[in-house]
Amino acid sequence: MSCCPPANATESPPVDADEVALLCKALAHPARVKLLLHLADYGACFFGNLSDVVQLAPSTTSQHVSILKEAGLVLGSSDDKRVCYCVNPERIARLKQLIAAL
């Protein structure tokens, strides 16, 4: 009796381990997951205070947002007075594709 199912006959494309690790690392903190889920649920450019979403200090929230932005999962743009944040749908699709290939 084997604990592993038989290997799939069709080969999947190679997974970019570095890219998977980068994206998973970006999601390795509950606050970042909450931020990403909030922005995804919001569905449009979010101009509010993200610290209210995660109940953390603004500086801590900013660090978490920076990590999500570095991984490409969140996009941010600013005008003279405020910053807009939204999810990057292409990067989210890529994350889903990579996870599905594992």
C-alpha atoms as a PDB file:
ATOM      1  CA  MET A   1       0.000   0.000   0.000  1.00  0.00           C
ATOM      2  CA  SER A   2       1.341   3.399  -0.993  1.00  0.00           C
ATOM      3  CA  CYS A   3       0.664   6.729   0.680  1.00  0.00           C
ATOM      4  CA  CYS A   4       1.147   8.616  -2.576  1.00  0.00           C
ATOM      5  CA  PRO A   5      -1.288   8.598  -5.467  1.00  0.00           C
ATOM      6  CA  PRO A   6       0.108   7.467  -8.819  1.00  0.00           C
ATOM      7  CA  ALA A   7       1.961  10.130 -10.775  1.00  0.00           C
ATOM      8  CA  ASN A   8      -0.098  12.036 -13.296  1.00  0.00           C
ATOM      9  CA  ALA A   9       0.610  10.850 -16.827  1.00  0.00           C
ATOM     10  CA  THR A  10       0.641  14.385 -18.192  1.00  0.00           C
ATOM     11  CA  GLU A  11       3.632  16.491 -17.328  1.00  0.00           C
ATOM     12  CA  SER A  12       3.020  19.946 -15.964  1.00  0.00           C
ATOM     13  CA  PRO A  13       5.259  22.842 -16.867  1.00  0.00           C
ATOM     14  CA  PRO A  14       8.140  23.435 -14.487  1.00  0.00           C
ATOM     15  CA  VAL A  15       7.321  25.601 -11.501  1.00  0.00           C
ATOM     16  CA  ASP A  16       9.525  28.625 -10.863  1.00  0.00           C
ATOM     17  CA  ALA A  17      10.522  27.878  -7.271  1.00  0.00           C
ATOM     18  CA  ASP A  18      11.891  31.381  -6.689  1.00  0.00           C
ATOM     19  CA  GLU A  19       8.646  32.986  -7.805  1.00  0.00           C
ATOM     20  CA  VAL A  20       6.543  30.636  -5.669  1.00  0.00           C
ATOM     21  CA  ALA A  21       8.750  31.368  -2.653  1.00  0.00           C
ATOM     22  CA  LEU A  22       8.525  35.140  -3.195  1.00  0.00           C
ATOM     23  CA  LEU A  23       4.735  35.086  -3.410  1.00  0.00           C
ATOM     24  CA  CYS A  24       4.297  32.701  -0.488  1.00  0.00           C
ATOM     25  CA  LYS A  25       6.675  34.773   1.635  1.00  0.00           C
ATOM     26  CA  ALA A  26       4.580  37.856   0.860  1.00  0.00           C
ATOM     27  CA  LEU A  27       1.532  36.005   2.203  1.00  0.00           C
ATOM     28  CA  ALA A  28       3.322  34.510   5.203  1.00  0.00           C
ATOM     29  CA  HIS A  29       1.797  36.946   7.699  1.00  0.00           C
ATOM     30  CA  PRO A  30      -1.904  37.074   8.617  1.00  0.00           C
ATOM     31  CA  ALA A  31      -1.967  40.869   8.357  1.00  0.00           C
ATOM     32  CA  ARG A  32      -0.810  40.724   4.741  1.00  0.00           C
ATOM     33  CA  VAL A  33      -3.419  38.088   3.929  1.00  0.00           C
ATOM     34  CA  LYS A  34      -6.096  40.294   5.535  1.00  0.00           C
ATOM     35  CA  LEU A  35      -4.912  43.317   3.565  1.00  0.00           C
ATOM     36  CA  LEU A  36      -4.931  41.411   0.295  1.00  0.00           C
ATOM     37  CA  LEU A  37      -8.387  39.963   0.971  1.00  0.00           C
ATOM     38  CA  HIS A  38      -9.730  43.387   1.914  1.00  0.00           C
ATOM     39  CA  LEU A  39      -8.418  44.975  -1.269  1.00  0.00           C
ATOM     40  CA  ALA A  40      -9.712  42.084  -3.383  1.00  0.00           C
ATOM     41  CA  ASP A  41     -13.159  42.329  -1.777  1.00  0.00           C
ATOM     42  CA  TYR A  42     -13.199  46.098  -2.179  1.00  0.00           C
ATOM     43  CA  GLY A  43     -12.662  45.592  -5.902  1.00  0.00           C
ATOM     44  CA  ALA A  44     -11.726  49.162  -6.762  1.00  0.00           C
ATOM     45  CA  CYS A  45      -9.064  51.654  -5.881  1.00  0.00           C
ATOM     46  CA  PHE A  46      -9.012  51.869  -2.071  1.00  0.00           C
ATOM     47  CA  PHE A  47      -8.190  55.288  -0.645  1.00  0.00           C
ATOM     48  CA  GLY A  48      -8.967  54.535   3.009  1.00  0.00           C
ATOM     49  CA  ASN A  49      -6.740  53.890   5.980  1.00  0.00           C
ATOM     50  CA  LEU A  50      -5.428  50.338   5.703  1.00  0.00           C
ATOM     51  CA  SER A  51      -4.350  50.427   9.358  1.00  0.00           C
ATOM     52  CA  ASP A  52      -8.042  50.239  10.246  1.00  0.00           C
ATOM     53  CA  VAL A  53      -8.296  46.960   8.324  1.00  0.00           C
ATOM     54  CA  VAL A  54      -5.600  45.161  10.309  1.00  0.00           C
ATOM     55  CA  GLN A  55      -5.711  47.140  13.565  1.00  0.00           C
ATOM     56  CA  LEU A  56      -1.976  47.835  13.455  1.00  0.00           C
ATOM     57  CA  ALA A  57       0.104  50.986  13.669  1.00  0.00           C
ATOM     58  CA  PRO A  58       0.359  52.875  10.386  1.00  0.00           C
ATOM     59  CA  SER A  59       4.115  52.233  10.185  1.00  0.00           C
ATOM     60  CA  THR A  60       3.614  48.478  10.630  1.00  0.00           C
ATOM     61  CA  THR A  61       0.794  48.453   8.085  1.00  0.00           C
ATOM     62  CA  SER A  62       3.003  50.361   5.653  1.00  0.00           C
ATOM     63  CA  GLN A  63       5.710  47.703   5.997  1.00  0.00           C
ATOM     64  CA  HIS A  64       3.195  44.965   5.237  1.00  0.00           C
ATOM     65  CA  VAL A  65       1.859  46.849   2.219  1.00  0.00           C
ATOM     66  CA  SER A  66       5.416  47.348   0.958  1.00  0.00           C
ATOM     67  CA  ILE A  67       6.036  43.602   1.046  1.00  0.00           C
ATOM     68  CA  LEU A  68       2.830  42.962  -0.914  1.00  0.00           C
ATOM     69  CA  LYS A  69       3.829  45.637  -3.427  1.00  0.00           C
ATOM     70  CA  GLU A  70       7.354  44.211  -3.807  1.00  0.00           C
ATOM     71  CA  ALA A  71       5.814  40.837  -4.668  1.00  0.00           C
ATOM     72  CA  GLY A  72       3.562  42.552  -7.194  1.00  0.00           C
ATOM     73  CA  LEU A  73       0.360  41.464  -5.471  1.00  0.00           C
ATOM     74  CA  VAL A  74      -0.709  45.033  -4.658  1.00  0.00           C
ATOM     75  CA  LEU A  75      -0.449  48.127  -6.801  1.00  0.00           C
ATOM     76  CA  GLY A  76      -0.309  51.628  -5.395  1.00  0.00           C
ATOM     77  CA  SER A  77      -0.471  55.039  -6.957  1.00  0.00           C
ATOM     78  CA  SER A  78      -0.677  58.459  -5.421  1.00  0.00           C
ATOM     79  CA  ASP A  79      -1.856  61.899  -6.246  1.00  0.00           C
ATOM     80  CA  ASP A  80      -1.037  65.055  -4.310  1.00  0.00           C
ATOM     81  CA  LYS A  81      -3.005  64.142  -1.193  1.00  0.00           C
ATOM     82  CA  ARG A  82      -3.720  60.425  -1.045  1.00  0.00           C
ATOM     83  CA  VAL A  83      -2.614  56.940  -2.102  1.00  0.00           C
ATOM     84  CA  CYS A  84      -4.750  54.415  -3.943  1.00  0.00           C
ATOM     85  CA  TYR A  85      -4.217  50.685  -3.377  1.00  0.00           C
ATOM     86  CA  CYS A  86      -5.651  47.772  -5.337  1.00  0.00           C
ATOM     87  CA  VAL A  87      -4.819  44.140  -6.046  1.00  0.00           C
ATOM     88  CA  ASN A  88      -2.909  43.252  -9.186  1.00  0.00           C
ATOM     89  CA  PRO A  89      -5.241  40.757 -10.895  1.00  0.00           C
ATOM     90  CA  GLU A  90      -2.504  39.470 -13.211  1.00  0.00           C
ATOM     91  CA  ARG A  91      -0.232  38.661 -10.284  1.00  0.00           C
ATOM     92  CA  ILE A  92      -3.074  37.016  -8.342  1.00  0.00           C
ATOM     93  CA  ALA A  93      -3.810  34.868 -11.397  1.00  0.00           C
ATOM     94  CA  ARG A  94      -0.130  33.925 -11.581  1.00  0.00           C
ATOM     95  CA  LEU A  95      -0.113  33.000  -7.880  1.00  0.00           C
ATOM     96  CA  LYS A  96      -3.135  30.733  -8.422  1.00  0.00           C
ATOM     97  CA  GLN A  97      -1.459  29.159 -11.449  1.00  0.00           C
ATOM     98  CA  LEU A  98       1.748  28.445  -9.549  1.00  0.00           C
ATOM     99  CA  ILE A  99      -0.053  26.999  -6.539  1.00  0.00           C
ATOM    100  CA  ALA A 100      -2.201  24.804  -8.773  1.00  0.00           C
ATOM    101  CA  ALA A 101       0.968  23.451 -10.418  1.00  0.00           C
ATOM    102  CA  LEU A 102       2.383  22.211  -7.102  1.00  0.00           C
END
